Every structure is written in C-alpha cells, then in structure tokens.
Amino acid sequence: MSLASKKVLTQSNTMEIYVNEQYTFDQLGIKEAHQKFQDNKDEGVIVNCEYSSDIWFLKSEKVKSNRVKIEFDIDLYKELKEALKMFVAFEITRITSGNVRRNVNYIKKAILASKGFKEEEITNLEDEIATSNKPYDMSRAVKSFMYFIDHPLKQDYAYSLDIFRPKEPKTRTLVNFKDLLLFGQKVDEFQASWNEREKLLYFPIIIWWRLTCIIPLRTGEFVGIKRNCLIDKGGNFFIQLPRTKQKAKNKRDLDIEDVVPLNESVYKLIQEYIDFTDVFGEAEQLLSTKAYIAGLRMKKNFADEWYPVRLSKLINHFYDNVIIKKMGSYPEIERIKPMDTRHYAFMNLKLSGVNELTIARLGGHRTIHAQEHYFKHLDEFADSYVYSLTRLRRFKRLDSKLIEYKDENDLIIQKSRIRNPKKEDLKMHPFGICTFPDIRVMGCPKEGECRHCTDWFRLTKVELENPLCYEWYQDHSNYLAKRIRESIALMRAASKGLEYDFSNLQWFSIADEELKTLSRDISVIMIQKSIVDSVLEEMLNG
C-alpha cells in the first residue's frame, strides 16, 4: 500500500502531496484503509470511533479497561492527515497500540517541524529529532511513513536521518572509513594526472569531494549550488549555499546561514571549474550539464538541472572507470554515497578543534545538539585513519614536515628501517640504533621516544625478527591507542563545558585554545601510532 509520486493530487501554499494514479485517496487506497479500520473495529481493536473521527481509540494490550487515544490534530496539512490515518489503519495489526500512538506522535511532530516535509526544512526536522527522548525511534517512524506514502523526498530525508542510530546497532550504516580515506587518496592521484576528457566528466566529483569534506553539505545542497556562488571579501572567501536563511526562534537557537566561509584552495578550485566550463554557455547551477555531456561523448538529451541521482551515478561511474579500471583498486571496495562526506566532514571538523557552534552553522543546524550523533563515531574514525596510514606506510611515509592528519597527502618513498650498526651510530636500549649525527652533543631531537621516529631510528635485521622487539612495539601501540581515546574523551568534555554567546556569534571568532590543543595532540598521536603499527606489520609480514 503506497501513495506514489507520479501525479500531483493537491497543491497549496503549505505543501504538495504526490500520489500514484492507481492508489489515490478516493480510489483503492482509501477503500483498503476503510476496510482495515472496519475489520479492526469488528475485532474490538478499535473502539467507540469512526474512520472520519479526528480521535481514534485503540484497545490497550496492557490494561483491558484502558484505551489508547490516537489524535489526528494536524489540520494544517490535510492531505498528510489523511495519509497518516491510512498508515495507522495498516499499522494497528502490526505493532502494539502503545507503539502506534508513539509513532503517530513522532510523525506529527516531524510534519510540523518540516512544514509538511519540505526540502528546505530537513534541518528543522533533524533538530526536532535530535532533541527527542528517543532519536532513533523517531527517525525510524518518520522514514517508515515517508516510504509508505512514497514521498518524492524520501531518499533525501532518509540520508539525513541515517545519523540517528540505535544504542547497540546490529549493522553499521556509515561508510567504512578505510575505504573513504582510500577514495580520497585516489582522488588526489587522479587529479594529478587527468586528461581533458576526464576533467570534463569528473571535475564535479573533485569539487564535491573537496567541498563536502570540509563543509557538511547535504547532497541536494551541493547539486543546488548556483553558478555565481563565490564571494571574495578582501581576501576572505565565502560560498553562497542554496539554504533558506532563517532567524533563530529563541536564545538557544542559531540562525540558518546561506553564506559560509571557504578556504582559498577550494575557492580557486571552484573558480577554475567555472572558467573551464564557461565555453559551454551559461548555466544556472554551478555544475554544467553541457560539460558533463561533452565528457560522456553522448548525443543523448539530458535535463539541464542537476539532481542528486546524477551525482550518485557519476560517483559509481568514477569508481568503475577510474578507481578500479584505471588505478587498479580492488573491485570489492565499499562505495561511498554522496551523503557520506557530510558525516566525514562533521568528524573532521570536530577532530580539528572547531567549536560546536561553528560546526552547527557550517552544517546548517539550528541547534548544537543535532551534531552529537555524528560524534559517536569519532573513535571508529580515528582507528580507521590510523589503519589507513599504517597501510600506506608499508611503502611510503609522510614528509618530515608534520601536517594535519586530514590533509595527509604528501607521501614519499619510505627509507628502509633496517640498517647494520656503524661506528658513528649510538646503540639504544633495549633495541635499535640512533643515526642522528649530533645525538651525543645535542641529545634526542624526538623527545626520547625512538619507536615513532622515522628520521633517525633504525633496527637491525635480527632485531626486526625478534619476538621481544615485537612486544616492545606492541606495548607502545597500545599506549598510543589509549592516549587517542583519552584525548577524544577530553575533547568531548571540553566541548560540553564551553559557554557560547548565541546572540553575538561571529564566524570563527571564538578562540577555543583548549580544543585546538587537543586537536593537535590527537593528530600527532595518530600519526605516531601509524608509524609504530607499520613496523609491527613489517615484522609480521616481512
């Protein structure tokens, strides 16, 4: 039983309801719902009410003398009110009456918060769910209802609501971070060597990756960015987003901003794309359909407007033809979806020490509570990042200049860790030698810890095969893992302890030195752990 999106049944200033011609309210769908209602009434499940009533009474499973009251008090959205009645008529036989009432209340709150499930109101619904007692249960009820009525925005809403997860999820709903980080590495390699045709076709992928990894955009927001989106205010760069500006409703809320800061490199990347595709004529959106068609080398007609589904298809095309075919990655790589970078960006910002107010404004959230669900994955993200660096370090390593972990792209061939002692080397305890030429005069340039030193510390071949040496490295790896988790816990605690002036907030004006310090600590420790773990892998696998 569904209400599909092939035909507009009703249109008003508040909403549109889309229905399939064969299951409209006045045809088979409404008749089936009426019959379900009557069947339940005959069986005593529904009592003392009619289908047309604004209040239904259901028999309570817990106390026989009690009744469960279901109220359909959303007259502002009459079509959704009728759809909700149909939904309940079918739900009554599936779940308990108490759960029916709970879900109806969730759905009513969602309808009001999103003004009838409007595209530009997804943020308000996220905030409503984030502040509810059971965010996962509410998000699940809302998604079930939207799929029941086959709402045209059900996928967009589902992607946004996927952040709300059960306390003990049985399955992982977010992308495998290791594959996401591998995707970023492949994007870097591809962009360094792409040809003219590849640039025409895949430039939107590069912009999407670079932009949505630093600004948490929804897919619809990204594809909806206008051509004249860039703003240069005396060397300070901004981007105009397709968000509806909204003033805060109370003192603890935030304004929804449609202009957000942008770093210079991404600003220049977008400007390069605009200049590169201007030859194909004017375009309302940032992404040029004509340039896309030229890259495909097809004469097929395409809609001028970019939609999220086109971006999804292009990402899959990029996987098939670039990441797997051209670059030789394993075919089983888990493919990221357009909304995955929004999750990634939230965690990147958090681990970079950006305060919660700024993160909320970049993400288009009205409250700081809506982002908390993203941060439940910080430990998993840190583990995956360390693992990814470890795999890279089997053959490559970071340049000696320390850079922030999220921009870790500058890789060079790793020097061998194996070296036979020379006269000028200093024997270290319990393992290894130090090759720093002034070690005896200046002391250790790495603060005395050899195991994550890639510049001067070396092992002999015998030591590399020694089980006691392996244990020595494993102990340090465990210690660093503990420090990462402690630092993340401290960052969470520091964020909760901050007091914000909601009425006078300026972009990046709040100097959260404690957060920045913790961020630098986490970045350094993750890089150190990847160095140690790469040695452990070398000991195990040779």
Protein backbone atom coordinates (compact mmCIF):
# COMPACT_ATOMS: atom_id res chain seq x y z
CA MET A 1 0.00 0.00 0.00
CA SER A 2 1.62 3.27 -1.07
CA LEU A 3 1.00 6.75 -2.35
CA ALA A 4 3.44 7.33 -5.20
CA SER A 5 4.90 10.46 -6.78
CA LYS A 6 3.76 10.23 -10.38
CA LYS A 7 0.93 12.71 -10.12
CA VAL A 8 0.23 15.87 -8.10
CA LEU A 9 -3.03 15.33 -6.29
CA THR A 10 -3.20 18.62 -4.40
CA GLN A 11 -1.09 21.75 -4.32
CA SER A 12 -1.24 24.63 -1.84
CA ASN A 13 1.00 27.21 -0.18
CA THR A 14 1.88 24.80 2.59
CA MET A 15 2.58 21.57 0.78
CA GLU A 16 2.22 19.26 -2.17
CA ILE A 17 1.13 15.64 -1.95
CA TYR A 18 2.18 13.32 -4.75
CA VAL A 19 0.18 10.17 -5.42
CA ASN A 20 0.13 7.27 -7.85
CA GLU A 21 -2.92 7.32 -10.13
CA GLN A 22 -3.96 3.80 -9.16
CA TYR A 23 -3.76 4.36 -5.38
CA THR A 24 -5.28 7.77 -4.67
CA PHE A 25 -7.22 8.75 -1.57
CA ASP A 26 -10.58 8.39 -3.30
CA GLN A 27 -9.87 5.09 -5.04
CA LEU A 28 -8.45 1.75 -3.95
CA GLY A 29 -6.09 3.09 -1.27
CA ILE A 30 -8.76 4.80 0.82
CA LYS A 31 -11.10 1.83 0.40
CA GLU A 32 -8.43 -0.57 1.67
CA ALA A 33 -7.77 1.67 4.67
CA HIS A 34 -11.50 1.89 5.45
CA GLN A 35 -11.80 -1.89 5.25
CA LYS A 36 -8.80 -2.38 7.56
CA PHE A 37 -10.36 0.07 10.02
CA GLN A 38 -13.68 -1.76 9.97
CA ASP A 39 -12.03 -5.18 10.36
CA ASN A 40 -10.18 -3.94 13.45
CA LYS A 41 -13.32 -2.37 14.81
CA ASP A 42 -15.24 -5.63 14.38
CA GLU A 43 -12.48 -7.44 16.26
CA GLY A 44 -12.58 -4.92 19.12
CA VAL A 45 -9.14 -3.47 18.42
CA ILE A 46 -10.69 -0.07 17.56
CA VAL A 47 -13.48 1.14 19.85
CA ASN A 48 -16.09 3.93 20.01
CA CYS A 49 -14.99 5.92 16.95
CA GLU A 50 -15.36 6.22 13.19
CA TYR A 51 -12.77 6.46 10.42
CA SER A 52 -13.70 10.11 9.87
CA SER A 53 -13.10 10.97 13.54
CA ASP A 54 -10.12 13.12 14.49
CA ILE A 55 -9.58 10.86 17.50
CA TRP A 56 -9.36 7.07 17.37
CA PHE A 57 -9.43 4.82 20.40
CA LEU A 58 -7.49 1.55 20.40
CA LYS A 59 -7.75 -1.29 22.84
CA SER A 60 -4.83 -1.40 25.28
CA GLU A 61 -2.87 -4.65 25.41
CA LYS A 62 -1.59 -3.91 28.92
CA VAL A 63 -4.77 -2.93 30.80
CA LYS A 64 -8.02 -4.21 29.30
CA SER A 65 -10.11 -1.39 30.80
CA ASN A 66 -7.87 1.29 29.31
CA ARG A 67 -7.94 2.75 25.82
CA VAL A 68 -5.11 4.22 23.77
CA LYS A 69 -6.01 7.58 22.24
CA ILE A 70 -4.72 8.46 18.76
CA GLU A 71 -5.17 12.12 17.74
CA PHE A 72 -5.00 13.34 14.14
CA ASP A 73 -4.71 17.03 15.01
CA ILE A 74 -2.73 18.30 12.01
CA ASP A 75 -5.47 20.10 10.04
CA LEU A 76 -2.91 22.47 8.52
CA TYR A 77 -1.73 19.51 6.41
CA LYS A 78 -5.00 17.81 5.48
CA GLU A 79 -3.53 15.50 2.84
CA LEU A 80 -0.86 14.23 5.22
CA LYS A 81 -3.52 13.86 7.89
CA GLU A 82 -5.46 11.50 5.60
CA ALA A 83 -2.25 9.68 4.72
CA LEU A 84 -1.48 9.28 8.43
CA LYS A 85 -4.90 7.71 9.02
CA MET A 86 -4.22 5.21 6.25
CA PHE A 87 -0.79 4.48 7.74
CA VAL A 88 -2.32 3.82 11.17
CA ALA A 89 -5.05 1.59 9.71
CA PHE A 90 -2.36 -0.75 8.42
CA GLU A 91 -0.01 -0.38 11.43
CA ILE A 92 -2.63 -1.42 14.01
CA THR A 93 -2.31 -5.11 13.22
CA ARG A 94 1.50 -4.98 13.02
CA ILE A 95 2.56 -3.34 16.30
CA THR A 96 1.08 -2.68 19.74
CA SER A 97 -1.41 0.15 20.24
CA GLY A 98 1.07 1.94 22.51
CA ASN A 99 3.70 1.90 19.80
CA VAL A 100 1.14 3.08 17.23
CA ARG A 101 0.41 6.14 19.40
CA ARG A 102 4.12 6.78 19.94
CA ASN A 103 4.85 6.63 16.20
CA VAL A 104 1.89 8.84 15.33
CA ASN A 105 3.13 11.47 17.78
CA TYR A 106 6.62 11.26 16.26
CA ILE A 107 5.24 11.65 12.73
CA LYS A 108 3.02 14.59 13.68
CA LYS A 109 6.00 16.38 15.24
CA ALA A 110 8.00 15.68 12.08
CA ILE A 111 5.26 17.04 9.81
CA LEU A 112 5.04 20.26 11.83
CA ALA A 113 8.82 20.71 12.15
CA SER A 114 9.38 20.16 8.41
CA LYS A 115 6.27 22.14 7.36
CA GLY A 116 4.86 19.15 5.53
CA PHE A 117 8.21 17.55 4.58
CA LYS A 118 9.55 20.48 2.56
CA GLU A 119 13.04 20.08 1.13
CA GLU A 120 14.40 23.23 2.76
CA GLU A 121 13.13 22.17 6.20
CA ILE A 122 15.22 19.00 6.62
CA THR A 123 17.45 20.84 9.10
CA ASN A 124 14.49 21.71 11.33
CA LEU A 125 13.44 18.05 11.37
CA GLU A 126 16.98 16.94 12.27
CA ASP A 127 16.94 19.35 15.21
CA GLU A 128 13.49 18.15 16.31
CA ILE A 129 14.61 14.52 16.27
CA ALA A 130 17.95 15.28 17.96
CA THR A 131 16.16 16.78 20.97
CA SER A 132 13.58 13.99 21.30
CA ASN A 133 13.82 11.33 24.01
CA LYS A 134 14.49 8.54 21.53
CA PRO A 135 16.00 9.99 18.32
CA TYR A 136 16.49 6.62 16.60
CA ASP A 137 12.89 5.52 17.21
CA MET A 138 11.55 8.83 15.93
CA SER A 139 13.74 8.79 12.82
CA ARG A 140 12.67 5.23 12.04
CA ALA A 141 8.96 6.11 12.38
CA VAL A 142 9.34 9.14 10.11
CA LYS A 143 11.21 7.16 7.46
CA SER A 144 8.60 4.38 7.55
CA PHE A 145 5.82 6.89 6.99
CA MET A 146 7.61 8.68 4.15
CA TYR A 147 8.27 5.37 2.40
CA PHE A 148 4.64 4.33 2.99
CA ILE A 149 3.39 7.42 1.15
CA ASP A 150 6.32 7.16 -1.32
CA HIS A 151 7.17 10.82 -0.76
CA PRO A 152 9.37 12.25 -3.55
CA LEU A 153 11.93 13.44 -0.97
CA LYS A 154 12.04 10.17 0.98
CA GLN A 155 15.63 9.40 -0.07
CA ASP A 156 16.91 12.86 0.87
CA TYR A 157 15.22 12.69 4.24
CA ALA A 158 16.39 9.10 4.81
CA TYR A 159 20.02 10.05 4.14
CA SER A 160 19.80 12.92 6.64
CA LEU A 161 18.08 10.80 9.29
CA ASP A 162 20.56 7.92 8.99
CA ILE A 163 22.76 9.69 11.54
CA PHE A 164 20.35 8.63 14.28
CA ARG A 165 21.33 5.11 15.25
CA PRO A 166 20.28 2.63 17.94
CA LYS A 167 22.34 2.39 21.11
CA GLU A 168 23.62 -1.03 20.09
CA PRO A 169 23.33 -1.16 16.31
CA LYS A 170 23.41 -4.62 14.76
CA THR A 171 24.76 -3.34 11.47
CA ARG A 172 26.95 -0.42 10.51
CA THR A 173 25.10 2.20 8.47
CA LEU A 174 28.01 4.57 7.79
CA VAL A 175 30.65 4.03 5.15
CA ASN A 176 33.78 2.06 6.01
CA PHE A 177 36.18 4.89 6.86
CA LYS A 178 39.14 2.96 5.48
CA ASP A 179 37.53 2.88 2.05
CA LEU A 180 36.52 6.51 2.34
CA LEU A 181 40.10 7.54 3.07
CA LEU A 182 41.31 5.35 0.20
CA PHE A 183 38.86 7.16 -2.07
CA GLY A 184 40.44 10.47 -1.04
CA GLN A 185 43.91 9.16 -1.84
CA LYS A 186 42.75 8.01 -5.30
CA VAL A 187 41.14 11.38 -5.97
CA ASP A 188 44.49 13.07 -5.27
CA GLU A 189 46.34 10.71 -7.63
CA PHE A 190 43.72 11.09 -10.35
CA GLN A 191 43.62 14.87 -10.24
CA ALA A 192 47.39 14.99 -10.66
CA SER A 193 47.22 13.12 -13.98
CA TRP A 194 43.74 13.57 -15.52
CA ASN A 195 43.31 14.30 -19.23
CA GLU A 196 40.97 16.80 -20.90
CA ARG A 197 38.03 14.43 -21.28
CA GLU A 198 38.36 13.12 -17.72
CA LYS A 199 38.44 16.69 -16.48
CA LEU A 200 35.18 17.49 -18.28
CA LEU A 201 33.44 14.43 -16.92
CA TYR A 202 34.80 14.10 -13.39
CA PHE A 203 35.51 17.68 -12.29
CA PRO A 204 32.16 17.69 -10.39
CA ILE A 205 33.43 14.70 -8.38
CA ILE A 206 36.58 16.60 -7.40
CA ILE A 207 34.58 19.66 -6.31
CA TRP A 208 32.09 17.51 -4.42
CA TRP A 209 34.89 15.71 -2.57
CA ARG A 210 36.95 18.81 -1.76
CA LEU A 211 33.98 20.93 -0.72
CA THR A 212 31.77 18.49 1.19
CA CYS A 213 34.68 17.06 3.18
CA ILE A 214 35.20 20.47 4.81
CA ILE A 215 31.63 21.85 4.78
CA PRO A 216 28.95 19.32 5.83
CA LEU A 217 26.56 19.68 2.90
CA ARG A 218 23.57 17.55 2.05
CA THR A 219 23.51 16.16 -1.48
CA GLY A 220 20.64 18.42 -2.52
CA GLU A 221 22.52 21.46 -1.21
CA PHE A 222 25.63 20.58 -3.19
CA VAL A 223 23.96 20.00 -6.57
CA GLY A 224 21.78 23.07 -6.00
CA ILE A 225 24.71 25.50 -5.65
CA LYS A 226 24.38 28.35 -8.14
CA ARG A 227 26.96 29.33 -10.74
CA ASN A 228 27.62 32.72 -9.11
CA CYS A 229 28.20 31.16 -5.68
CA LEU A 230 31.68 32.51 -4.89
CA ILE A 231 32.25 35.62 -2.77
CA ASP A 232 35.60 37.35 -2.18
CA LYS A 233 35.54 39.90 0.64
CA GLY A 234 39.00 41.40 0.57
CA GLY A 235 40.82 38.07 0.59
CA ASN A 236 38.30 36.33 2.85
CA PHE A 237 36.46 33.72 0.81
CA PHE A 238 32.84 32.57 1.13
CA ILE A 239 30.36 30.44 -0.77
CA GLN A 240 26.61 31.01 -1.17
CA LEU A 241 24.62 27.84 -0.47
CA PRO A 242 21.05 27.01 -1.51
CA ARG A 243 19.80 27.27 2.05
CA THR A 244 16.87 29.38 3.18
CA LYS A 245 18.09 31.95 5.69
CA GLN A 246 16.16 31.63 8.92
CA LYS A 247 16.36 33.65 12.11
CA ALA A 248 16.69 31.82 15.42
CA LYS A 249 13.39 31.23 17.20
CA ASN A 250 14.83 31.53 20.70
CA LYS A 251 18.02 32.48 22.53
CA ARG A 252 19.49 28.98 22.44
CA ASP A 253 18.93 28.50 18.71
CA LEU A 254 21.13 29.52 15.80
CA ASP A 255 20.35 31.36 12.60
CA ILE A 256 20.42 29.21 9.46
CA GLU A 257 23.08 30.81 7.25
CA ASP A 258 23.22 30.66 3.46
CA VAL A 259 26.75 32.11 3.19
CA VAL A 260 29.63 30.24 4.86
CA PRO A 261 33.43 30.63 4.89
CA LEU A 262 35.56 28.78 2.35
CA ASN A 263 39.30 28.16 2.25
CA GLU A 264 41.29 29.65 -0.60
CA SER A 265 42.27 26.37 -2.28
CA VAL A 266 38.67 25.19 -2.69
CA TYR A 267 37.63 28.70 -3.75
CA LYS A 268 40.23 28.59 -6.52
CA LEU A 269 39.23 25.04 -7.49
CA ILE A 270 35.59 26.07 -7.99
CA GLN A 271 36.64 29.18 -9.90
CA GLU A 272 38.84 27.01 -12.13
CA TYR A 273 35.83 24.80 -12.93
CA ILE A 274 33.67 27.82 -13.74
CA ASP A 275 36.34 29.23 -16.09
CA PHE A 276 36.92 25.78 -17.61
CA THR A 277 33.23 25.19 -18.41
CA ASP A 278 32.19 28.73 -19.40
CA VAL A 279 32.85 27.78 -23.02
CA PHE A 280 29.73 25.57 -22.89
CA GLY A 281 27.46 28.53 -22.28
CA GLU A 282 25.51 29.93 -19.37
CA ALA A 283 24.26 27.69 -16.63
CA GLU A 284 22.13 28.45 -13.60
CA GLN A 285 23.74 25.79 -11.42
CA LEU A 286 27.44 25.54 -10.62
CA LEU A 287 27.67 22.14 -12.31
CA SER A 288 27.41 22.37 -16.11
CA THR A 289 25.22 19.76 -17.80
CA LYS A 290 26.68 20.59 -21.23
CA ALA A 291 30.23 20.00 -19.99
CA TYR A 292 29.05 16.72 -18.43
CA ILE A 293 27.53 15.61 -21.77
CA ALA A 294 30.73 16.56 -23.59
CA GLY A 295 32.70 14.40 -21.16
CA LEU A 296 30.37 11.44 -21.75
CA ARG A 297 30.66 11.92 -25.55
CA MET A 298 26.98 11.13 -25.94
CA LYS A 299 24.31 12.79 -28.04
CA LYS A 300 21.59 11.78 -25.61
CA ASN A 301 19.48 14.60 -24.23
CA PHE A 302 19.82 15.29 -20.51
CA ALA A 303 17.80 17.51 -18.23
CA ASP A 304 19.59 20.83 -17.71
CA GLU A 305 19.18 20.63 -13.95
CA TRP A 306 21.49 18.51 -11.81
CA TYR A 307 19.78 16.20 -9.32
CA PRO A 308 21.28 14.06 -6.52
CA VAL A 309 20.68 10.90 -8.56
CA ARG A 310 23.01 12.16 -11.33
CA LEU A 311 25.78 12.77 -8.81
CA SER A 312 25.30 9.25 -7.41
CA LYS A 313 25.55 7.75 -10.90
CA LEU A 314 28.66 9.80 -11.67
CA ILE A 315 30.33 8.61 -8.46
CA ASN A 316 29.65 4.99 -9.46
CA HIS A 317 30.99 5.76 -12.96
CA PHE A 318 34.13 7.18 -11.32
CA TYR A 319 34.57 4.00 -9.27
CA ASP A 320 34.16 1.72 -12.30
CA ASN A 321 36.33 3.61 -14.78
CA VAL A 322 38.90 5.40 -12.64
CA ILE A 323 39.38 3.86 -9.19
CA ILE A 324 39.01 0.22 -10.27
CA LYS A 325 39.82 0.11 -14.00
CA LYS A 326 42.44 2.87 -14.32
CA MET A 327 44.03 2.77 -10.86
CA GLY A 328 43.67 -0.93 -10.15
CA SER A 329 41.89 -0.78 -6.79
CA TYR A 330 40.17 -3.91 -5.55
CA PRO A 331 36.66 -4.32 -7.05
CA GLU A 332 35.15 -5.10 -3.62
CA ILE A 333 35.90 -1.58 -2.30
CA GLU A 334 32.89 -0.25 -0.45
CA ARG A 335 31.50 2.63 -2.48
CA ILE A 336 30.76 5.85 -0.71
CA LYS A 337 27.45 7.63 -1.19
CA PRO A 338 27.08 11.38 -1.65
CA MET A 339 25.88 11.93 1.94
CA ASP A 340 28.82 10.04 3.48
CA THR A 341 31.09 13.05 3.10
CA ARG A 342 28.71 15.07 5.30
CA HIS A 343 29.33 12.59 8.14
CA TYR A 344 33.07 12.67 7.39
CA ALA A 345 33.13 16.50 7.43
CA PHE A 346 31.44 16.69 10.83
CA MET A 347 34.07 14.39 12.34
CA ASN A 348 36.93 16.16 10.56
CA LEU A 349 35.76 19.49 11.96
CA LYS A 350 35.40 18.05 15.45
CA LEU A 351 38.85 16.45 15.46
CA SER A 352 40.28 19.68 14.05
CA GLY A 353 39.21 21.50 17.21
CA VAL A 354 36.44 23.59 15.62
CA ASN A 355 33.87 24.62 18.23
CA GLU A 356 30.35 23.22 18.19
CA LEU A 357 28.67 26.50 17.24
CA THR A 358 30.77 26.87 14.12
CA ILE A 359 30.21 23.20 13.22
CA ALA A 360 26.45 23.64 13.63
CA ARG A 361 26.39 26.72 11.41
CA LEU A 362 28.51 25.06 8.71
CA GLY A 363 26.20 22.02 8.81
CA GLY A 364 23.02 24.09 8.61
CA HIS A 365 21.80 23.01 12.05
CA ARG A 366 19.57 25.22 14.17
CA THR A 367 20.90 23.75 17.44
CA ILE A 368 24.23 22.32 18.56
CA HIS A 369 22.51 19.11 19.71
CA ALA A 370 21.82 17.85 16.17
CA GLN A 371 25.52 17.18 15.54
CA GLU A 372 26.07 14.99 18.61
CA HIS A 373 25.01 11.82 16.81
CA TYR A 374 27.81 12.22 14.27
CA PHE A 375 30.43 12.31 17.00
CA LYS A 376 29.57 8.86 18.34
CA HIS A 377 31.81 7.55 15.54
CA LEU A 378 34.94 9.53 16.48
CA ASP A 379 36.76 6.53 17.96
CA GLU A 380 35.94 4.42 14.91
CA PHE A 381 37.09 7.22 12.61
CA ALA A 382 40.40 7.58 14.49
CA ASP A 383 41.02 3.83 14.37
CA SER A 384 40.35 3.71 10.64
CA TYR A 385 42.54 6.70 9.95
CA VAL A 386 45.46 5.13 11.81
CA TYR A 387 44.89 1.85 9.96
CA SER A 388 44.88 3.61 6.58
CA LEU A 389 48.10 5.47 7.34
CA THR A 390 49.64 2.21 8.52
CA ARG A 391 48.89 0.51 5.20
CA LEU A 392 50.36 3.46 3.28
CA ARG A 393 53.48 3.45 5.42
CA ARG A 394 54.36 -0.08 4.37
CA PHE A 395 55.71 1.55 1.21
CA LYS A 396 55.52 5.29 1.78
CA ARG A 397 55.80 7.78 4.62
CA LEU A 398 54.95 11.35 5.48
CA ASP A 399 57.38 14.08 4.65
CA SER A 400 59.40 15.15 7.68
CA LYS A 401 57.24 18.26 7.99
CA LEU A 402 54.24 17.44 10.21
CA ILE A 403 50.94 18.41 8.63
CA GLU A 404 47.40 17.98 9.89
CA TYR A 405 46.09 14.43 9.61
CA LYS A 406 43.08 15.35 7.48
CA ASP A 407 45.33 16.75 4.74
CA GLU A 408 47.77 13.85 4.78
CA ASN A 409 48.50 13.60 1.06
CA ASP A 410 52.22 14.42 0.68
CA LEU A 411 53.83 10.97 0.51
CA ILE A 412 57.38 9.97 -0.44
CA ILE A 413 59.20 6.66 -0.70
CA GLN A 414 59.98 5.30 2.76
CA LYS A 415 63.58 4.80 3.77
CA SER A 416 64.37 1.29 4.94
CA ARG A 417 64.21 0.77 8.69
CA ILE A 418 66.86 -1.96 8.51
CA ARG A 419 70.49 -0.92 8.99
CA ASN A 420 73.60 -2.59 10.31
CA PRO A 421 75.32 -0.54 13.04
CA LYS A 422 78.11 1.81 12.02
CA LYS A 423 80.84 3.27 14.18
CA GLU A 424 79.15 6.66 14.47
CA ASP A 425 75.74 5.20 15.44
CA LEU A 426 74.55 5.12 19.05
CA LYS A 427 73.22 1.80 20.39
CA MET A 428 69.83 2.28 22.04
CA HIS A 429 68.18 0.28 24.81
CA PRO A 430 66.56 -2.21 24.53
CA PHE A 431 66.61 -2.27 20.71
CA GLY A 432 67.81 -0.30 17.73
CA ILE A 433 70.37 2.35 16.89
CA CYS A 434 70.16 6.14 16.54
CA THR A 435 71.74 7.63 13.41
CA PHE A 436 71.30 11.29 14.43
CA PRO A 437 74.84 12.66 13.97
CA ASP A 438 74.72 15.06 16.95
CA ILE A 439 72.91 12.74 19.36
CA ARG A 440 75.84 12.70 21.82
CA VAL A 441 76.05 16.52 21.87
CA MET A 442 72.50 17.80 21.37
CA GLY A 443 70.53 14.87 22.70
CA CYS A 444 67.43 13.33 21.12
CA PRO A 445 65.51 15.57 18.66
CA LYS A 446 62.37 13.36 19.12
CA GLU A 447 61.99 13.83 22.88
CA GLY A 448 63.43 10.42 23.71
CA GLU A 449 60.86 8.08 22.13
CA CYS A 450 62.50 6.02 19.38
CA ARG A 451 59.61 3.84 18.28
CA HIS A 452 57.79 6.51 16.26
CA CYS A 453 60.94 8.18 14.94
CA THR A 454 61.22 7.70 11.16
CA ASP A 455 64.18 10.03 10.64
CA TRP A 456 66.97 8.59 12.78
CA PHE A 457 65.93 5.34 14.47
CA ARG A 458 66.83 2.03 12.78
CA LEU A 459 66.60 -1.67 13.65
CA THR A 460 68.92 -4.46 12.61
CA LYS A 461 67.50 -7.36 10.63
CA VAL A 462 67.94 -9.65 13.66
CA GLU A 463 66.01 -7.24 15.88
CA LEU A 464 63.21 -6.95 13.34
CA GLU A 465 62.70 -10.71 13.66
CA ASN A 466 62.97 -10.76 17.47
CA PRO A 467 59.62 -11.53 19.27
CA LEU A 468 60.67 -9.37 22.21
CA CYS A 469 61.15 -6.41 19.86
CA TYR A 470 57.65 -7.02 18.51
CA GLU A 471 56.26 -6.93 22.07
CA TRP A 472 58.18 -3.71 22.70
CA TYR A 473 56.48 -2.06 19.71
CA GLN A 474 53.07 -3.58 20.54
CA ASP A 475 53.20 -2.12 24.06
CA HIS A 476 53.79 1.34 22.62
CA SER A 477 50.99 0.89 20.05
CA ASN A 478 48.56 0.01 22.87
CA TYR A 479 49.73 3.02 24.87
CA LEU A 480 49.16 5.37 21.91
CA ALA A 481 45.70 3.89 21.28
CA LYS A 482 44.81 4.63 24.90
CA ARG A 483 46.06 8.21 24.54
CA ILE A 484 43.96 8.76 21.40
CA ARG A 485 40.80 7.67 23.21
CA GLU A 486 41.65 9.74 26.28
CA SER A 487 42.22 12.83 24.11
CA ILE A 488 38.92 12.30 22.26
CA ALA A 489 37.15 11.94 25.59
CA LEU A 490 38.79 15.16 26.81
CA MET A 491 37.71 16.94 23.61
CA ARG A 492 34.12 15.83 24.16
CA ALA A 493 34.24 17.03 27.76
CA ALA A 494 35.82 20.34 26.78
CA SER A 495 33.13 20.94 24.14
CA LYS A 496 30.33 20.30 26.63
CA GLY A 497 31.89 22.71 29.09
CA LEU A 498 32.04 25.67 26.71
CA GLU A 499 29.69 28.61 27.19
CA TYR A 500 28.65 30.36 23.97
CA ASP A 501 27.24 33.81 23.34
CA PHE A 502 24.48 32.85 20.87
CA SER A 503 23.45 36.43 20.16
CA ASN A 504 26.88 37.79 19.17
CA LEU A 505 28.45 34.86 17.34
CA GLN A 506 30.84 35.69 14.51
CA TRP A 507 32.40 33.15 12.17
CA PHE A 508 35.42 31.50 13.80
CA SER A 509 35.64 34.35 16.32
CA ILE A 510 35.67 32.12 19.40
CA ALA A 511 39.22 31.13 20.27
CA ASP A 512 38.85 27.66 21.75
CA GLU A 513 42.52 27.13 22.52
CA GLU A 514 41.86 24.01 24.59
CA LEU A 515 40.05 22.35 21.66
CA LYS A 516 42.80 23.36 19.25
CA THR A 517 45.47 21.96 21.55
CA LEU A 518 43.60 18.66 21.95
CA SER A 519 43.15 18.51 18.19
CA ARG A 520 46.87 18.90 17.59
CA ASP A 521 47.59 16.24 20.22
CA ILE A 522 45.21 13.74 18.57
CA SER A 523 46.68 14.46 15.13
CA VAL A 524 50.24 13.90 16.34
CA ILE A 525 49.38 10.72 18.28
CA MET A 526 47.51 9.18 15.33
CA ILE A 527 50.48 9.75 13.05
CA GLN A 528 52.83 8.31 15.69
CA LYS A 529 50.65 5.23 16.08
CA SER A 530 50.56 4.66 12.32
CA ILE A 531 54.38 4.68 12.30
CA VAL A 532 54.55 2.13 15.11
CA ASP A 533 51.86 -0.09 13.57
CA SER A 534 53.62 -0.05 10.19
CA VAL A 535 56.68 -1.54 11.88
CA LEU A 536 54.51 -4.18 13.54
CA GLU A 537 53.07 -5.13 10.13
CA GLU A 538 56.57 -5.30 8.68
CA MET A 539 57.61 -7.64 11.48
CA LEU A 540 54.59 -9.88 10.86
CA ASN A 541 54.51 -9.87 7.08
CA GLY A 542 58.05 -9.05 6.09
